[in-house]
Structure formats: structure tokens, C-alpha cells
Amino acid sequence: MLVIGNFGLSHDQQQSQMALWAIMAAPLLMSNDLRDICPRSKELLQNRMIIAINQDPLGRQGLRTVQVMGCDVWERPLFGNRLAIAIMYKEELGGPRRFPISAVPGWKFCTPQCNVTQILPQYKELGVQSHQKELVLSVNPTGTTLLTVTPLSEDLKKRHWNSMLAQKQHIVL
């Protein structure tokens, strides 16, 4: 159940909750009064790009693929050989964490190139990237950076998810 819009969560924490909801392909259950929700929280709950990840027609749930540099990395296969990536920085204190995208297991399959879109914490077209290029993201404490990756090579996702599923016996949550 999402508590976005209720008192007690920072905006970064609300974004983290929404990103994980999308990656997990979970049903949307809210515990707030929609008549009395702040505009910023309402905008987050109605974000069409996040909802599109959650309701992707492929219907596969995402997995936590690695824990590195104080971050949990979640990846979800999407229809059309695309990939959704959520990088959640779990620390509560300090400043933003610089996180190299090369630490994401699925990034190595971005060959030769991928188009990358950052959805959270703010929408930004990161453009065409290569696995050889060092893309560094900023992730706020208790915040999440949510990305979609579209391969410019058709078999990117198939290779990544087939190799990942072959290595994992079960999902660790």
C-alpha cells in the first residue's frame, strides 16, 4: 500500500515508493484521502510514465539485481526489449550519491547503444548512451532514480534477462 500524500514521508521517499511500485508491477492501493492531497504528491501519483512502467504489457515483475555503494538496484524487463531500472539510495543522511550506471548488471548489455530516459527524480532525456561511456547518476538519500533504457540493438534485453534468470535460483527481496 502506498502512503504517498500522507504526512511523514519526504518527497524523495514518496518517489522511491512510487518507483518500486512500478518496478514490482503491483496493484495501486493508496492509504490517503485524495480530496486532501498536496499537488506535488498528486502529480507523482498521476505520472503517466511511471504508470506505464507498472502496467507494461509484458507483465513481468522486476528483481533486485544487485546491492552496491549503499544502493539497491532493481531491474524490470519491459515490452519491446526495453528495461526499467530503479536505483534506490537507502542512506538517510548526507548528500546525493554519485552512482555509475556501469554498476547496473543490465547496463553491460547496452551494446552497441541505448536510449536512456530518466523519469525520477525529474524527467530528463539522457539520450543515446553506450555501455563504454561512463554515465553517472545522482541519487538523493532515501531517494530513487528511475530510468527506462531502450536498446538500439534488438537482442539487448533477451540476452540480459536470459543470463540473469539462469544465474538466479530464486528472487531475493
Foldseek 3Di string as FASTA:
>chain_A
DQAQQPPDDDVQLNQVVLQLLLQQLHDDDYDDDVVRGDPSSVCSVPPPVSVCSSVAPVSFHWAQQDQPPQWTWIWHQGPQRKIKIKIFRAADDDFWDWAWPLVPQLLQLLPAWKWKWWPPPHTDGPGIDGSVDTDIDTAGHRHMIMMMIHHPDRCSNVVRVVVSVVVDPDGDD
